[in-house]
Amino acid sequence: MQALKARVQNGRIVVNEPTDLPEGTVIELVVADPGDELDDEERAELHAALAEGLAELRTGGGVDADELLSELRARG
């Protein structure tokens, strides 16, 4: 399946790329980066949690990723 790029122009989706799809082929378009579905409160909670984690890392807290992955692999 080949990816096609399109843009919106005057409220219409415009695809200006050559393709070898057969005439009449129906394609489904999706937004390449739909973002997320967080509301303002959830986004604020996420940012607070990220800031807390970063502060912990800066003070020497946290777990080494390689060690954690090794431990998880050993369990499974």
PDB file of N, CA and C in Angstrom:
ATOM      1  N   MET A   1       0.855  -1.182   0.000  1.00  0.00           N
ATOM      2  CA  MET A   1       0.000   0.000   0.000  1.00  0.00           C
ATOM      3  C   MET A   1       0.892   1.233   0.000  1.00  0.00           C
ATOM      4  N   GLN A   2       0.682   2.108  -0.901  1.00  0.00           N
ATOM      5  CA  GLN A   2       1.488   3.314  -0.965  1.00  0.00           C
ATOM      6  C   GLN A   2       0.801   4.446  -0.211  1.00  0.00           C
ATOM      7  N   ALA A   3       1.590   5.309   0.407  1.00  0.00           N
ATOM      8  CA  ALA A   3       1.054   6.475   1.095  1.00  0.00           C
ATOM      9  C   ALA A   3       0.968   7.632   0.112  1.00  0.00           C
ATOM     10  N   LEU A   4      -0.095   8.367   0.188  1.00  0.00           N
ATOM     11  CA  LEU A   4      -0.268   9.555  -0.638  1.00  0.00           C
ATOM     12  C   LEU A   4      -0.348  10.767   0.271  1.00  0.00           C
ATOM     13  N   LYS A   5       0.225  11.868  -0.152  1.00  0.00           N
ATOM     14  CA  LYS A   5       0.119  13.111   0.607  1.00  0.00           C
ATOM     15  C   LYS A   5      -0.929  13.984  -0.050  1.00  0.00           C
ATOM     16  N   ALA A   6      -1.712  14.646   0.786  1.00  0.00           N
ATOM     17  CA  ALA A   6      -2.742  15.544   0.290  1.00  0.00           C
ATOM     18  C   ALA A   6      -2.730  16.810   1.134  1.00  0.00           C
ATOM     19  N   ARG A   7      -3.375  17.841   0.644  1.00  0.00           N
ATOM     20  CA  ARG A   7      -3.507  19.076   1.414  1.00  0.00           C
ATOM     21  C   ARG A   7      -4.922  19.585   1.233  1.00  0.00           C
ATOM     22  N   VAL A   8      -5.341  20.431   2.138  1.00  0.00           N
ATOM     23  CA  VAL A   8      -6.666  21.024   2.033  1.00  0.00           C
ATOM     24  C   VAL A   8      -6.519  22.390   1.383  1.00  0.00           C
ATOM     25  N   GLN A   9      -7.299  22.611   0.350  1.00  0.00           N
ATOM     26  CA  GLN A   9      -7.282  23.878  -0.374  1.00  0.00           C
ATOM     27  C   GLN A   9      -8.728  24.271  -0.661  1.00  0.00           C
ATOM     28  N   ASN A  10      -9.111  25.430  -0.133  1.00  0.00           N
ATOM     29  CA  ASN A  10     -10.489  25.913  -0.321  1.00  0.00           C
ATOM     30  C   ASN A  10     -11.515  24.874   0.123  1.00  0.00           C
ATOM     31  N   GLY A  11     -11.230  24.210   1.243  1.00  0.00           N
ATOM     32  CA  GLY A  11     -12.177  23.240   1.782  1.00  0.00           C
ATOM     33  C   GLY A  11     -12.225  21.911   1.049  1.00  0.00           C
ATOM     34  N   ARG A  12     -11.317  21.682   0.128  1.00  0.00           N
ATOM     35  CA  ARG A  12     -11.269  20.431  -0.638  1.00  0.00           C
ATOM     36  C   ARG A  12      -9.949  19.722  -0.378  1.00  0.00           C
ATOM     37  N   ILE A  13      -9.959  18.419  -0.419  1.00  0.00           N
ATOM     38  CA  ILE A  13      -8.730  17.638  -0.287  1.00  0.00           C
ATOM     39  C   ILE A  13      -8.122  17.496  -1.675  1.00  0.00           C
ATOM     40  N   VAL A  14      -6.874  17.936  -1.800  1.00  0.00           N
ATOM     41  CA  VAL A  14      -6.196  17.913  -3.093  1.00  0.00           C
ATOM     42  C   VAL A  14      -5.003  16.970  -3.006  1.00  0.00           C
ATOM     43  N   VAL A  15      -4.995  15.980  -3.876  1.00  0.00           N
ATOM     44  CA  VAL A  15      -3.871  15.049  -3.971  1.00  0.00           C
ATOM     45  C   VAL A  15      -3.183  15.343  -5.294  1.00  0.00           C
ATOM     46  N   ASN A  16      -1.928  15.730  -5.224  1.00  0.00           N
ATOM     47  CA  ASN A  16      -1.218  16.081  -6.440  1.00  0.00           C
ATOM     48  C   ASN A  16       0.026  15.208  -6.566  1.00  0.00           C
ATOM     49  N   GLU A  17      -0.194  13.905  -6.529  1.00  0.00           N
ATOM     50  CA  GLU A  17       0.899  12.950  -6.667  1.00  0.00           C
ATOM     51  C   GLU A  17       0.491  11.875  -7.661  1.00  0.00           C
ATOM     52  N   PRO A  18       1.409  11.447  -8.472  1.00  0.00           N
ATOM     53  CA  PRO A  18       1.074  10.349  -9.388  1.00  0.00           C
ATOM     54  C   PRO A  18       0.856   9.055  -8.613  1.00  0.00           C
ATOM     55  N   THR A  19      -0.005   8.220  -9.139  1.00  0.00           N
ATOM     56  CA  THR A  19      -0.266   6.932  -8.505  1.00  0.00           C
ATOM     57  C   THR A  19      -0.564   5.897  -9.585  1.00  0.00           C
ATOM     58  N   ASP A  20      -0.313   4.649  -9.232  1.00  0.00           N
ATOM     59  CA  ASP A  20      -0.650   3.583 -10.174  1.00  0.00           C
ATOM     60  C   ASP A  20      -1.886   2.809  -9.705  1.00  0.00           C
ATOM     61  N   LEU A  21      -2.665   3.427  -8.808  1.00  0.00           N
ATOM     62  CA  LEU A  21      -3.905   2.797  -8.377  1.00  0.00           C
ATOM     63  C   LEU A  21      -4.875   2.727  -9.551  1.00  0.00           C
ATOM     64  N   PRO A  22      -5.642   1.658  -9.625  1.00  0.00           N
ATOM     65  CA  PRO A  22      -6.605   1.535 -10.729  1.00  0.00           C
ATOM     66  C   PRO A  22      -7.668   2.636 -10.663  1.00  0.00           C
ATOM     67  N   GLU A  23      -8.147   3.058 -11.816  1.00  0.00           N
ATOM     68  CA  GLU A  23      -9.199   4.067 -11.905  1.00  0.00           C
ATOM     69  C   GLU A  23     -10.399   3.623 -11.074  1.00  0.00           C
ATOM     70  N   GLY A  24     -10.952   4.523 -10.296  1.00  0.00           N
ATOM     71  CA  GLY A  24     -12.129   4.224  -9.486  1.00  0.00           C
ATOM     72  C   GLY A  24     -11.820   3.665  -8.104  1.00  0.00           C
ATOM     73  N   THR A  25     -10.546   3.472  -7.799  1.00  0.00           N
ATOM     74  CA  THR A  25     -10.174   2.961  -6.485  1.00  0.00           C
ATOM     75  C   THR A  25     -10.619   3.936  -5.410  1.00  0.00           C
ATOM     76  N   VAL A  26     -11.261   3.425  -4.371  1.00  0.00           N
ATOM     77  CA  VAL A  26     -11.685   4.247  -3.246  1.00  0.00           C
ATOM     78  C   VAL A  26     -10.586   4.190  -2.194  1.00  0.00           C
ATOM     79  N   ILE A  27     -10.165   5.351  -1.707  1.00  0.00           N
ATOM     80  CA  ILE A  27      -9.131   5.389  -0.682  1.00  0.00           C
ATOM     81  C   ILE A  27      -9.702   6.045   0.563  1.00  0.00           C
ATOM     82  N   GLU A  28      -9.143   5.688   1.693  1.00  0.00           N
ATOM     83  CA  GLU A  28      -9.544   6.284   2.967  1.00  0.00           C
ATOM     84  C   GLU A  28      -8.430   7.212   3.419  1.00  0.00           C
ATOM     85  N   LEU A  29      -8.768   8.448   3.713  1.00  0.00           N
ATOM     86  CA  LEU A  29      -7.788   9.421   4.175  1.00  0.00           C
ATOM     87  C   LEU A  29      -7.927   9.590   5.679  1.00  0.00           C
ATOM     88  N   VAL A  30      -6.778   9.649   6.359  1.00  0.00           N
ATOM     89  CA  VAL A  30      -6.768   9.927   7.794  1.00  0.00           C
ATOM     90  C   VAL A  30      -5.763  11.039   8.042  1.00  0.00           C
ATOM     91  N   VAL A  31      -5.992  11.816   9.078  1.00  0.00           N
ATOM     92  CA  VAL A  31      -5.065  12.886   9.424  1.00  0.00           C
ATOM     93  C   VAL A  31      -3.775  12.239   9.915  1.00  0.00           C
ATOM     94  N   ALA A  32      -2.640  12.704   9.396  1.00  0.00           N
ATOM     95  CA  ALA A  32      -1.350  12.097   9.717  1.00  0.00           C
ATOM     96  C   ALA A  32      -1.012  12.213  11.196  1.00  0.00           C
ATOM     97  N   ASP A  33      -1.376  13.323  11.849  1.00  0.00           N
ATOM     98  CA  ASP A  33      -1.088  13.513  13.264  1.00  0.00           C
ATOM     99  C   ASP A  33      -2.340  14.027  13.947  1.00  0.00           C
ATOM    100  N   PRO A  34      -3.200  13.118  14.366  1.00  0.00           N
ATOM    101  CA  PRO A  34      -4.452  13.563  14.963  1.00  0.00           C
ATOM    102  C   PRO A  34      -4.303  14.141  16.361  1.00  0.00           C
ATOM    103  N   GLY A  35      -3.107  14.091  16.924  1.00  0.00           N
ATOM    104  CA  GLY A  35      -2.917  14.605  18.282  1.00  0.00           C
ATOM    105  C   GLY A  35      -3.409  13.598  19.302  1.00  0.00           C
ATOM    106  N   ASP A  36      -4.018  14.081  20.349  1.00  0.00           N
ATOM    107  CA  ASP A  36      -4.531  13.186  21.380  1.00  0.00           C
ATOM    108  C   ASP A  36      -5.953  13.586  21.729  1.00  0.00           C
ATOM    109  N   GLU A  37      -6.537  12.852  22.641  1.00  0.00           N
ATOM    110  CA  GLU A  37      -7.918  13.119  23.036  1.00  0.00           C
ATOM    111  C   GLU A  37      -7.990  13.643  24.466  1.00  0.00           C
ATOM    112  N   LEU A  38      -6.917  14.242  24.954  1.00  0.00           N
ATOM    113  CA  LEU A  38      -6.907  14.746  26.317  1.00  0.00           C
ATOM    114  C   LEU A  38      -7.669  16.061  26.406  1.00  0.00           C
ATOM    115  N   ASP A  39      -8.434  16.206  27.507  1.00  0.00           N
ATOM    116  CA  ASP A  39      -9.038  17.517  27.734  1.00  0.00           C
ATOM    117  C   ASP A  39      -8.036  18.374  28.506  1.00  0.00           C
ATOM    118  N   ASP A  40      -8.389  19.615  28.779  1.00  0.00           N
ATOM    119  CA  ASP A  40      -7.449  20.538  29.416  1.00  0.00           C
ATOM    120  C   ASP A  40      -6.979  20.045  30.782  1.00  0.00           C
ATOM    121  N   GLU A  41      -7.891  19.473  31.562  1.00  0.00           N
ATOM    122  CA  GLU A  41      -7.524  18.969  32.894  1.00  0.00           C
ATOM    123  C   GLU A  41      -6.574  17.778  32.790  1.00  0.00           C
ATOM    124  N   GLU A  42      -6.872  16.844  31.903  1.00  0.00           N
ATOM    125  CA  GLU A  42      -6.001  15.682  31.716  1.00  0.00           C
ATOM    126  C   GLU A  42      -4.626  16.098  31.213  1.00  0.00           C
ATOM    127  N   ARG A  43      -4.598  17.070  30.301  1.00  0.00           N
ATOM    128  CA  ARG A  43      -3.319  17.543  29.780  1.00  0.00           C
ATOM    129  C   ARG A  43      -2.504  18.196  30.897  1.00  0.00           C
ATOM    130  N   ALA A  44      -3.160  18.963  31.764  1.00  0.00           N
ATOM    131  CA  ALA A  44      -2.470  19.600  32.890  1.00  0.00           C
ATOM    132  C   ALA A  44      -1.915  18.542  33.838  1.00  0.00           C
ATOM    133  N   GLU A  45      -2.684  17.485  34.100  1.00  0.00           N
ATOM    134  CA  GLU A  45      -2.203  16.388  34.958  1.00  0.00           C
ATOM    135  C   GLU A  45      -0.993  15.695  34.332  1.00  0.00           C
ATOM    136  N   LEU A  46      -1.040  15.467  33.035  1.00  0.00           N
ATOM    137  CA  LEU A  46       0.082  14.841  32.334  1.00  0.00           C
ATOM    138  C   LEU A  46       1.334  15.702  32.454  1.00  0.00           C
ATOM    139  N   HIS A  47       1.200  16.996  32.204  1.00  0.00           N
ATOM    140  CA  HIS A  47       2.350  17.895  32.270  1.00  0.00           C
ATOM    141  C   HIS A  47       2.906  17.961  33.685  1.00  0.00           C
ATOM    142  N   ALA A  48       2.024  17.940  34.688  1.00  0.00           N
ATOM    143  CA  ALA A  48       2.486  17.948  36.079  1.00  0.00           C
ATOM    144  C   ALA A  48       3.253  16.668  36.396  1.00  0.00           C
ATOM    145  N   ALA A  49       2.754  15.527  35.941  1.00  0.00           N
ATOM    146  CA  ALA A  49       3.431  14.256  36.185  1.00  0.00           C
ATOM    147  C   ALA A  49       4.787  14.222  35.485  1.00  0.00           C
ATOM    148  N   LEU A  50       4.847  14.740  34.267  1.00  0.00           N
ATOM    149  CA  LEU A  50       6.128  14.783  33.549  1.00  0.00           C
ATOM    150  C   LEU A  50       7.126  15.693  34.262  1.00  0.00           C
ATOM    151  N   ALA A  51       6.657  16.840  34.730  1.00  0.00           N
ATOM    152  CA  ALA A  51       7.539  17.759  35.455  1.00  0.00           C
ATOM    153  C   ALA A  51       8.036  17.133  36.746  1.00  0.00           C
ATOM    154  N   GLU A  52       7.171  16.415  37.440  1.00  0.00           N
ATOM    155  CA  GLU A  52       7.558  15.734  38.686  1.00  0.00           C
ATOM    156  C   GLU A  52       8.611  14.659  38.400  1.00  0.00           C
ATOM    157  N   GLY A  53       8.404  13.875  37.351  1.00  0.00           N
ATOM    158  CA  GLY A  53       9.366  12.850  36.990  1.00  0.00           C
ATOM    159  C   GLY A  53      10.711  13.428  36.598  1.00  0.00           C
ATOM    160  N   LEU A  54      10.694  14.515  35.845  1.00  0.00           N
ATOM    161  CA  LEU A  54      11.935  15.162  35.437  1.00  0.00           C
ATOM    162  C   LEU A  54      12.685  15.715  36.640  1.00  0.00           C
ATOM    163  N   ALA A  55      11.950  16.316  37.585  1.00  0.00           N
ATOM    164  CA  ALA A  55      12.575  16.830  38.804  1.00  0.00           C
ATOM    165  C   ALA A  55      13.210  15.693  39.601  1.00  0.00           C
ATOM    166  N   GLU A  56      12.537  14.552  39.656  1.00  0.00           N
ATOM    167  CA  GLU A  56      13.083  13.386  40.365  1.00  0.00           C
ATOM    168  C   GLU A  56      14.367  12.904  39.699  1.00  0.00           C
ATOM    169  N   LEU A  57      14.378  12.856  38.383  1.00  0.00           N
ATOM    170  CA  LEU A  57      15.578  12.426  37.665  1.00  0.00           C
ATOM    171  C   LEU A  57      16.749  13.371  37.911  1.00  0.00           C
ATOM    172  N   ARG A  58      16.457  14.663  37.957  1.00  0.00           N
ATOM    173  CA  ARG A  58      17.510  15.650  38.156  1.00  0.00           C
ATOM    174  C   ARG A  58      18.136  15.569  39.542  1.00  0.00           C
ATOM    175  N   THR A  59      17.419  14.991  40.489  1.00  0.00           N
ATOM    176  CA  THR A  59      17.961  14.852  41.851  1.00  0.00           C
ATOM    177  C   THR A  59      18.496  13.441  42.097  1.00  0.00           C
ATOM    178  N   GLY A  60      18.671  12.687  41.007  1.00  0.00           N
ATOM    179  CA  GLY A  60      19.268  11.358  41.140  1.00  0.00           C
ATOM    180  C   GLY A  60      18.284  10.235  41.319  1.00  0.00           C
ATOM    181  N   GLY A  61      17.013  10.534  41.304  1.00  0.00           N
ATOM    182  CA  GLY A  61      16.003   9.485  41.431  1.00  0.00           C
ATOM    183  C   GLY A  61      15.786   8.780  40.111  1.00  0.00           C
ATOM    184  N   GLY A  62      14.863   7.875  40.113  1.00  0.00           N
ATOM    185  CA  GLY A  62      14.530   7.162  38.886  1.00  0.00           C
ATOM    186  C   GLY A  62      15.235   5.828  38.786  1.00  0.00           C
ATOM    187  N   VAL A  63      14.990   5.148  37.701  1.00  0.00           N
ATOM    188  CA  VAL A  63      15.520   3.812  37.466  1.00  0.00           C
ATOM    189  C   VAL A  63      16.188   3.800  36.099  1.00  0.00           C
ATOM    190  N   ASP A  64      17.328   3.172  35.989  1.00  0.00           N
ATOM    191  CA  ASP A  64      18.015   3.045  34.713  1.00  0.00           C
ATOM    192  C   ASP A  64      17.161   2.194  33.775  1.00  0.00           C
ATOM    193  N   ALA A  65      16.915   2.681  32.580  1.00  0.00           N
ATOM    194  CA  ALA A  65      16.042   2.009  31.627  1.00  0.00           C
ATOM    195  C   ALA A  65      16.555   0.621  31.262  1.00  0.00           C
ATOM    196  N   ASP A  66      17.851   0.471  31.026  1.00  0.00           N
ATOM    197  CA  ASP A  66      18.404  -0.840  30.664  1.00  0.00           C
ATOM    198  C   ASP A  66      18.219  -1.844  31.787  1.00  0.00           C
ATOM    199  N   GLU A  67      18.426  -1.394  33.021  1.00  0.00           N
ATOM    200  CA  GLU A  67      18.237  -2.292  34.170  1.00  0.00           C
ATOM    201  C   GLU A  67      16.776  -2.701  34.301  1.00  0.00           C
ATOM    202  N   LEU A  68      15.882  -1.748  34.136  1.00  0.00           N
ATOM    203  CA  LEU A  68      14.457  -2.041  34.240  1.00  0.00           C
ATOM    204  C   LEU A  68      14.031  -3.025  33.159  1.00  0.00           C
ATOM    205  N   LEU A  69      14.462  -2.803  31.928  1.00  0.00           N
ATOM    206  CA  LEU A  69      14.105  -3.712  30.840  1.00  0.00           C
ATOM    207  C   LEU A  69      14.651  -5.114  31.087  1.00  0.00           C
ATOM    208  N   SER A  70      15.870  -5.208  31.579  1.00  0.00           N
ATOM    209  CA  SER A  70      16.450  -6.518  31.893  1.00  0.00           C
ATOM    210  C   SER A  70      15.627  -7.235  32.958  1.00  0.00           C
ATOM    211  N   GLU A  71      15.234  -6.481  33.966  1.00  0.00           N
ATOM    212  CA  GLU A  71      14.433  -7.063  35.043  1.00  0.00           C
ATOM    213  C   GLU A  71      13.077  -7.536  34.528  1.00  0.00           C
ATOM    214  N   LEU A  72      12.445  -6.740  33.694  1.00  0.00           N
ATOM    215  CA  LEU A  72      11.148  -7.130  33.140  1.00  0.00           C
ATOM    216  C   LEU A  72      11.266  -8.339  32.232  1.00  0.00           C
ATOM    217  N   ARG A  73      12.334  -8.406  31.444  1.00  0.00           N
ATOM    218  CA  ARG A  73      12.536  -9.569  30.569  1.00  0.00           C
ATOM    219  C   ARG A  73      12.764 -10.833  31.384  1.00  0.00           C
ATOM    220  N   ALA A  74      13.466 -10.708  32.498  1.00  0.00           N
ATOM    221  CA  ALA A  74      13.742 -11.856  33.350  1.00  0.00           C
ATOM    222  C   ALA A  74      12.465 -12.414  33.962  1.00  0.00           C
ATOM    223  N   ARG A  75      11.491 -11.559  34.201  1.00  0.00           N
ATOM    224  CA  ARG A  75      10.207 -11.996  34.792  1.00  0.00           C
ATOM    225  C   ARG A  75       9.359 -12.772  33.790  1.00  0.00           C
ATOM    226  N   GLY A  76       9.478 -12.391  32.507  1.00  0.00           N
ATOM    227  CA  GLY A  76       8.550 -12.934  31.509  1.00  0.00           C
ATOM    228  C   GLY A  76       8.997 -14.191  30.929  1.00  0.00           C
TER     229      GLY A  76
END
